[in-house]
Amino acid sequence: MENEIISSRKAKMAEKHRAILQAALEQITMYGFHGTSIKMIAASAQVSAGSIYNHFENKEEVIKELYLHIGAEINALIKSTHDSTISFEADFLNIWKAILHLYVNDPHKPEFITQFTYSPYIISQSENQSDVLLAPILEIFTKAKASGVIKNIPNGALVALSHSPITSLVRMANYGRLTITDAEIEAYAQACWDAIKL
């Protein structure tokens, strides 16, 4: 009986933790890092502000964990989609489309990533390299460059040419400035590949 109580308590804590992160994601993408307060996150998550401090030391810690959480989800998606038995081009296109579908299904994520990337909150690259957003694709880029398949430019530039357009496309679609049909997705993915291939 005691174990069941402990287990139930842990489950409730984990659910509250997830609710806080989801609320932070929604509030930050709407009001920005500086425009979002702990009070706003608490109201959105339907918890008390004090409850948030039982899970996080401050707002900065919420933001950092949210970034790591989303980054881990994207990295896991890349790893599960990656197929070393097919061409670099086919592999790139599959991964690109998988990330686009993830972002289309939850536009808050690319919006948050964009804000985070260009903010003072960006996590130092001296931290665990495997946790860095898009780390698996950087490995693929390195191998593709060594094989003479893509342009021999810094990986950061390759990310800008291939990942940044995804976030821009999703944002434009959200504002009704373009549509994202299956045929258009193929064309957009191919255009990004054409930008980095030799």
C-alpha atoms as a PDB file:
ATOM      1  CA  MET A   1       0.000   0.000   0.000  1.00  0.00           C
ATOM      2  CA  GLU A   2       2.812   2.379   0.917  1.00  0.00           C
ATOM      3  CA  ASN A   3       4.583   1.656  -2.395  1.00  0.00           C
ATOM      4  CA  GLU A   4       1.388   2.468  -4.285  1.00  0.00           C
ATOM      5  CA  ILE A   5       1.073   5.794  -2.482  1.00  0.00           C
ATOM      6  CA  ILE A   6       4.696   6.663  -3.263  1.00  0.00           C
ATOM      7  CA  SER A   7       4.248   5.613  -6.873  1.00  0.00           C
ATOM      8  CA  SER A   8       1.076   7.695  -7.207  1.00  0.00           C
ATOM      9  CA  ARG A   9       2.805  10.696  -5.649  1.00  0.00           C
ATOM     10  CA  LYS A  10       5.729  10.391  -8.069  1.00  0.00           C
ATOM     11  CA  ALA A  11       3.357  10.098 -11.022  1.00  0.00           C
ATOM     12  CA  LYS A  12       1.530  13.267  -9.942  1.00  0.00           C
ATOM     13  CA  MET A  13       4.833  15.110  -9.525  1.00  0.00           C
ATOM     14  CA  ALA A  14       5.965  14.008 -12.997  1.00  0.00           C
ATOM     15  CA  GLU A  15       2.651  15.087 -14.523  1.00  0.00           C
ATOM     16  CA  LYS A  16       2.890  18.487 -12.840  1.00  0.00           C
ATOM     17  CA  HIS A  17       6.477  18.822 -14.085  1.00  0.00           C
ATOM     18  CA  ARG A  18       5.342  18.141 -17.673  1.00  0.00           C
ATOM     19  CA  ALA A  19       2.450  20.579 -17.304  1.00  0.00           C
ATOM     20  CA  ILE A  20       4.824  23.322 -16.165  1.00  0.00           C
ATOM     21  CA  LEU A  21       7.135  22.748 -19.140  1.00  0.00           C
ATOM     22  CA  GLN A  22       4.219  22.724 -21.587  1.00  0.00           C
ATOM     23  CA  ALA A  23       2.814  25.907 -20.070  1.00  0.00           C
ATOM     24  CA  ALA A  24       6.239  27.552 -20.264  1.00  0.00           C
ATOM     25  CA  LEU A  25       6.515  26.543 -23.924  1.00  0.00           C
ATOM     26  CA  GLU A  26       3.149  28.088 -24.764  1.00  0.00           C
ATOM     27  CA  GLN A  27       3.702  31.287 -22.787  1.00  0.00           C
ATOM     28  CA  ILE A  28       7.238  31.884 -24.039  1.00  0.00           C
ATOM     29  CA  THR A  29       6.324  31.422 -27.687  1.00  0.00           C
ATOM     30  CA  MET A  30       3.507  33.924 -27.182  1.00  0.00           C
ATOM     31  CA  TYR A  31       5.179  36.549 -24.980  1.00  0.00           C
ATOM     32  CA  GLY A  32       8.911  35.888 -25.289  1.00  0.00           C
ATOM     33  CA  PHE A  33      11.447  35.078 -22.582  1.00  0.00           C
ATOM     34  CA  HIS A  34      11.361  38.487 -20.916  1.00  0.00           C
ATOM     35  CA  GLY A  35       7.609  38.887 -21.266  1.00  0.00           C
ATOM     36  CA  THR A  36       6.892  35.568 -19.540  1.00  0.00           C
ATOM     37  CA  SER A  37       6.848  35.368 -15.755  1.00  0.00           C
ATOM     38  CA  ILE A  38       6.679  32.458 -13.339  1.00  0.00           C
ATOM     39  CA  LYS A  39       3.215  33.720 -12.374  1.00  0.00           C
ATOM     40  CA  MET A  40       2.057  33.438 -16.003  1.00  0.00           C
ATOM     41  CA  ILE A  41       3.507  29.931 -16.350  1.00  0.00           C
ATOM     42  CA  ALA A  42       1.826  28.880 -13.104  1.00  0.00           C
ATOM     43  CA  ALA A  43      -1.561  30.210 -14.233  1.00  0.00           C
ATOM     44  CA  SER A  44      -1.277  28.429 -17.585  1.00  0.00           C
ATOM     45  CA  ALA A  45      -0.223  25.172 -15.901  1.00  0.00           C
ATOM     46  CA  GLN A  46      -2.970  25.580 -13.288  1.00  0.00           C
ATOM     47  CA  VAL A  47      -0.541  25.289 -10.400  1.00  0.00           C
ATOM     48  CA  SER A  48       0.629  27.734  -7.769  1.00  0.00           C
ATOM     49  CA  ALA A  49       3.775  29.795  -8.361  1.00  0.00           C
ATOM     50  CA  GLY A  50       5.212  28.201  -5.232  1.00  0.00           C
ATOM     51  CA  SER A  51       4.646  24.779  -6.760  1.00  0.00           C
ATOM     52  CA  ILE A  52       6.895  25.679  -9.684  1.00  0.00           C
ATOM     53  CA  TYR A  53       9.725  26.411  -7.264  1.00  0.00           C
ATOM     54  CA  ASN A  54       9.395  22.852  -5.964  1.00  0.00           C
ATOM     55  CA  HIS A  55      10.437  21.706  -9.458  1.00  0.00           C
ATOM     56  CA  PHE A  56      12.714  24.511 -10.667  1.00  0.00           C
ATOM     57  CA  GLU A  57      15.018  27.002  -8.997  1.00  0.00           C
ATOM     58  CA  ASN A  58      13.971  29.897 -11.248  1.00  0.00           C
ATOM     59  CA  LYS A  59      12.629  30.807 -14.698  1.00  0.00           C
ATOM     60  CA  GLU A  60      16.050  30.367 -16.287  1.00  0.00           C
ATOM     61  CA  GLU A  61      16.111  26.740 -15.136  1.00  0.00           C
ATOM     62  CA  VAL A  62      12.659  26.165 -16.628  1.00  0.00           C
ATOM     63  CA  ILE A  63      13.861  27.582 -19.955  1.00  0.00           C
ATOM     64  CA  LYS A  64      17.054  25.526 -19.967  1.00  0.00           C
ATOM     65  CA  GLU A  65      15.250  22.273 -19.171  1.00  0.00           C
ATOM     66  CA  LEU A  66      12.615  23.002 -21.801  1.00  0.00           C
ATOM     67  CA  TYR A  67      15.351  23.497 -24.406  1.00  0.00           C
ATOM     68  CA  LEU A  68      17.053  20.249 -23.398  1.00  0.00           C
ATOM     69  CA  HIS A  69      13.712  18.408 -23.442  1.00  0.00           C
ATOM     70  CA  ILE A  70      12.809  19.596 -26.946  1.00  0.00           C
ATOM     71  CA  GLY A  71      16.359  19.049 -28.148  1.00  0.00           C
ATOM     72  CA  ALA A  72      16.333  15.480 -26.864  1.00  0.00           C
ATOM     73  CA  GLU A  73      13.037  14.830 -28.660  1.00  0.00           C
ATOM     74  CA  ILE A  74      14.395  16.167 -31.960  1.00  0.00           C
ATOM     75  CA  ASN A  75      17.690  14.301 -31.598  1.00  0.00           C
ATOM     76  CA  ALA A  76      15.818  11.068 -30.868  1.00  0.00           C
ATOM     77  CA  LEU A  77      13.703  11.630 -33.980  1.00  0.00           C
ATOM     78  CA  ILE A  78      16.827  12.132 -36.096  1.00  0.00           C
ATOM     79  CA  LYS A  79      18.407   8.965 -34.727  1.00  0.00           C
ATOM     80  CA  SER A  80      15.283   6.884 -35.327  1.00  0.00           C
ATOM     81  CA  THR A  81      14.888   8.228 -38.881  1.00  0.00           C
ATOM     82  CA  HIS A  82      18.564   8.039 -39.876  1.00  0.00           C
ATOM     83  CA  ASP A  83      19.418   5.151 -42.204  1.00  0.00           C
ATOM     84  CA  SER A  84      23.101   4.642 -43.001  1.00  0.00           C
ATOM     85  CA  THR A  85      22.266   2.050 -45.696  1.00  0.00           C
ATOM     86  CA  ILE A  86      20.793   4.625 -48.094  1.00  0.00           C
ATOM     87  CA  SER A  87      22.374   7.611 -49.858  1.00  0.00           C
ATOM     88  CA  PHE A  88      23.203  10.775 -47.939  1.00  0.00           C
ATOM     89  CA  GLU A  89      20.621  12.605 -50.041  1.00  0.00           C
ATOM     90  CA  ALA A  90      17.793  10.159 -49.308  1.00  0.00           C
ATOM     91  CA  ASP A  91      18.758  10.095 -45.625  1.00  0.00           C
ATOM     92  CA  PHE A  92      18.822  13.898 -45.445  1.00  0.00           C
ATOM     93  CA  LEU A  93      15.431  14.215 -47.138  1.00  0.00           C
ATOM     94  CA  ASN A  94      13.841  11.668 -44.784  1.00  0.00           C
ATOM     95  CA  ILE A  95      15.216  13.407 -41.688  1.00  0.00           C
ATOM     96  CA  TRP A  96      14.289  16.881 -42.987  1.00  0.00           C
ATOM     97  CA  LYS A  97      10.687  15.819 -43.619  1.00  0.00           C
ATOM     98  CA  ALA A  98      10.434  14.080 -40.226  1.00  0.00           C
ATOM     99  CA  ILE A  99      11.525  17.273 -38.438  1.00  0.00           C
ATOM    100  CA  LEU A 100       9.110  19.363 -40.501  1.00  0.00           C
ATOM    101  CA  HIS A 101       6.188  17.092 -39.579  1.00  0.00           C
ATOM    102  CA  LEU A 102       7.156  17.323 -35.887  1.00  0.00           C
ATOM    103  CA  TYR A 103       7.181  21.116 -36.073  1.00  0.00           C
ATOM    104  CA  VAL A 104       3.927  21.311 -38.030  1.00  0.00           C
ATOM    105  CA  ASN A 105       2.234  19.175 -35.373  1.00  0.00           C
ATOM    106  CA  ASP A 106       3.492  21.493 -32.601  1.00  0.00           C
ATOM    107  CA  PRO A 107       4.514  24.936 -33.956  1.00  0.00           C
ATOM    108  CA  HIS A 108       5.442  26.062 -30.438  1.00  0.00           C
ATOM    109  CA  LYS A 109       8.621  23.967 -30.629  1.00  0.00           C
ATOM    110  CA  PRO A 110      10.324  25.614 -33.623  1.00  0.00           C
ATOM    111  CA  GLU A 111       9.223  29.026 -32.339  1.00  0.00           C
ATOM    112  CA  PHE A 112      10.825  28.327 -28.957  1.00  0.00           C
ATOM    113  CA  ILE A 113      14.014  26.975 -30.552  1.00  0.00           C
ATOM    114  CA  THR A 114      14.334  30.073 -32.724  1.00  0.00           C
ATOM    115  CA  GLN A 115      13.915  32.383 -29.729  1.00  0.00           C
ATOM    116  CA  PHE A 116      16.332  30.351 -27.636  1.00  0.00           C
ATOM    117  CA  THR A 117      19.017  30.171 -30.332  1.00  0.00           C
ATOM    118  CA  TYR A 118      19.179  33.950 -30.634  1.00  0.00           C
ATOM    119  CA  SER A 119      18.956  34.720 -26.927  1.00  0.00           C
ATOM    120  CA  PRO A 120      21.426  35.024 -24.028  1.00  0.00           C
ATOM    121  CA  TYR A 121      20.013  31.741 -22.692  1.00  0.00           C
ATOM    122  CA  ILE A 122      21.888  29.671 -25.289  1.00  0.00           C
ATOM    123  CA  ILE A 123      23.665  26.814 -23.556  1.00  0.00           C
ATOM    124  CA  SER A 124      27.451  26.771 -23.692  1.00  0.00           C
ATOM    125  CA  GLN A 125      28.879  24.311 -26.183  1.00  0.00           C
ATOM    126  CA  SER A 126      31.245  23.171 -23.441  1.00  0.00           C
ATOM    127  CA  GLU A 127      28.386  21.189 -21.925  1.00  0.00           C
ATOM    128  CA  ASN A 128      27.593  17.603 -22.898  1.00  0.00           C
ATOM    129  CA  GLN A 129      28.014  17.570 -26.695  1.00  0.00           C
ATOM    130  CA  SER A 130      25.560  14.707 -27.140  1.00  0.00           C
ATOM    131  CA  ASP A 131      22.834  16.959 -25.684  1.00  0.00           C
ATOM    132  CA  VAL A 132      23.377  19.713 -28.245  1.00  0.00           C
ATOM    133  CA  LEU A 133      20.364  20.268 -30.471  1.00  0.00           C
ATOM    134  CA  LEU A 134      20.798  18.453 -33.821  1.00  0.00           C
ATOM    135  CA  ALA A 135      23.962  16.667 -32.624  1.00  0.00           C
ATOM    136  CA  PRO A 136      23.098  13.518 -34.648  1.00  0.00           C
ATOM    137  CA  ILE A 137      22.727  15.502 -37.887  1.00  0.00           C
ATOM    138  CA  LEU A 138      26.102  17.139 -37.285  1.00  0.00           C
ATOM    139  CA  GLU A 139      27.672  13.671 -37.322  1.00  0.00           C
ATOM    140  CA  ILE A 140      25.933  12.913 -40.614  1.00  0.00           C
ATOM    141  CA  PHE A 141      27.129  16.223 -42.088  1.00  0.00           C
ATOM    142  CA  THR A 142      30.712  15.460 -41.033  1.00  0.00           C
ATOM    143  CA  LYS A 143      30.611  12.067 -42.779  1.00  0.00           C
ATOM    144  CA  ALA A 144      28.944  13.518 -45.882  1.00  0.00           C
ATOM    145  CA  LYS A 145      31.633  16.192 -46.137  1.00  0.00           C
ATOM    146  CA  ALA A 146      34.366  13.579 -45.778  1.00  0.00           C
ATOM    147  CA  SER A 147      32.721  11.611 -48.598  1.00  0.00           C
ATOM    148  CA  GLY A 148      32.620  14.678 -50.838  1.00  0.00           C
ATOM    149  CA  VAL A 149      28.819  14.662 -51.043  1.00  0.00           C
ATOM    150  CA  ILE A 150      28.046  18.071 -49.526  1.00  0.00           C
ATOM    151  CA  LYS A 151      29.820  21.422 -49.402  1.00  0.00           C
ATOM    152  CA  ASN A 152      32.873  21.593 -47.152  1.00  0.00           C
ATOM    153  CA  ILE A 153      31.624  24.469 -45.015  1.00  0.00           C
ATOM    154  CA  PRO A 154      31.191  24.654 -41.215  1.00  0.00           C
ATOM    155  CA  ASN A 155      28.452  22.473 -39.767  1.00  0.00           C
ATOM    156  CA  GLY A 156      26.811  25.572 -38.309  1.00  0.00           C
ATOM    157  CA  ALA A 157      26.371  26.946 -41.814  1.00  0.00           C
ATOM    158  CA  LEU A 158      24.972  23.618 -43.007  1.00  0.00           C
ATOM    159  CA  VAL A 159      22.423  23.718 -40.183  1.00  0.00           C
ATOM    160  CA  ALA A 160      21.474  27.278 -41.134  1.00  0.00           C
ATOM    161  CA  LEU A 161      20.933  26.205 -44.745  1.00  0.00           C
ATOM    162  CA  SER A 162      18.920  23.105 -43.900  1.00  0.00           C
ATOM    163  CA  HIS A 163      17.239  23.461 -40.485  1.00  0.00           C
ATOM    164  CA  SER A 164      16.494  27.177 -40.301  1.00  0.00           C
ATOM    165  CA  PRO A 165      14.252  27.032 -43.418  1.00  0.00           C
ATOM    166  CA  ILE A 166      12.074  24.455 -41.648  1.00  0.00           C
ATOM    167  CA  THR A 167      11.302  26.827 -38.790  1.00  0.00           C
ATOM    168  CA  SER A 168      10.669  29.658 -41.274  1.00  0.00           C
ATOM    169  CA  LEU A 169       8.321  27.531 -43.370  1.00  0.00           C
ATOM    170  CA  VAL A 170       6.292  26.481 -40.327  1.00  0.00           C
ATOM    171  CA  ARG A 171       6.049  30.083 -39.147  1.00  0.00           C
ATOM    172  CA  MET A 172       4.905  31.251 -42.594  1.00  0.00           C
ATOM    173  CA  ALA A 173       2.347  28.435 -42.755  1.00  0.00           C
ATOM    174  CA  ASN A 174       0.982  29.450 -39.348  1.00  0.00           C
ATOM    175  CA  TYR A 175       0.448  32.975 -40.636  1.00  0.00           C
ATOM    176  CA  GLY A 176      -1.249  31.685 -43.773  1.00  0.00           C
ATOM    177  CA  ARG A 177       1.504  32.887 -46.091  1.00  0.00           C
ATOM    178  CA  LEU A 178       2.044  29.488 -47.676  1.00  0.00           C
ATOM    179  CA  THR A 179       0.643  25.975 -47.611  1.00  0.00           C
ATOM    180  CA  ILE A 180       2.486  22.790 -46.735  1.00  0.00           C
ATOM    181  CA  THR A 181       1.146  19.934 -48.855  1.00  0.00           C
ATOM    182  CA  ASP A 182       2.961  16.639 -49.397  1.00  0.00           C
ATOM    183  CA  ALA A 183       4.078  17.737 -52.871  1.00  0.00           C
ATOM    184  CA  GLU A 184       5.349  21.053 -51.539  1.00  0.00           C
ATOM    185  CA  ILE A 185       7.178  19.338 -48.693  1.00  0.00           C
ATOM    186  CA  GLU A 186       9.101  17.268 -51.239  1.00  0.00           C
ATOM    187  CA  ALA A 187      10.010  20.421 -53.160  1.00  0.00           C
ATOM    188  CA  TYR A 188      11.072  22.316 -50.026  1.00  0.00           C
ATOM    189  CA  ALA A 189      13.183  19.398 -48.781  1.00  0.00           C
ATOM    190  CA  GLN A 190      14.873  19.053 -52.164  1.00  0.00           C
ATOM    191  CA  ALA A 191      15.609  22.784 -52.256  1.00  0.00           C
ATOM    192  CA  CYS A 192      17.394  22.541 -48.886  1.00  0.00           C
ATOM    193  CA  TRP A 193      19.407  19.556 -50.102  1.00  0.00           C
ATOM    194  CA  ASP A 194      20.334  21.441 -53.279  1.00  0.00           C
ATOM    195  CA  ALA A 195      21.639  24.276 -51.096  1.00  0.00           C
ATOM    196  CA  ILE A 196      24.242  22.078 -49.381  1.00  0.00           C
ATOM    197  CA  LYS A 197      25.097  19.386 -51.954  1.00  0.00           C
ATOM    198  CA  LEU A 198      28.208  19.559 -54.116  1.00  0.00           C
END
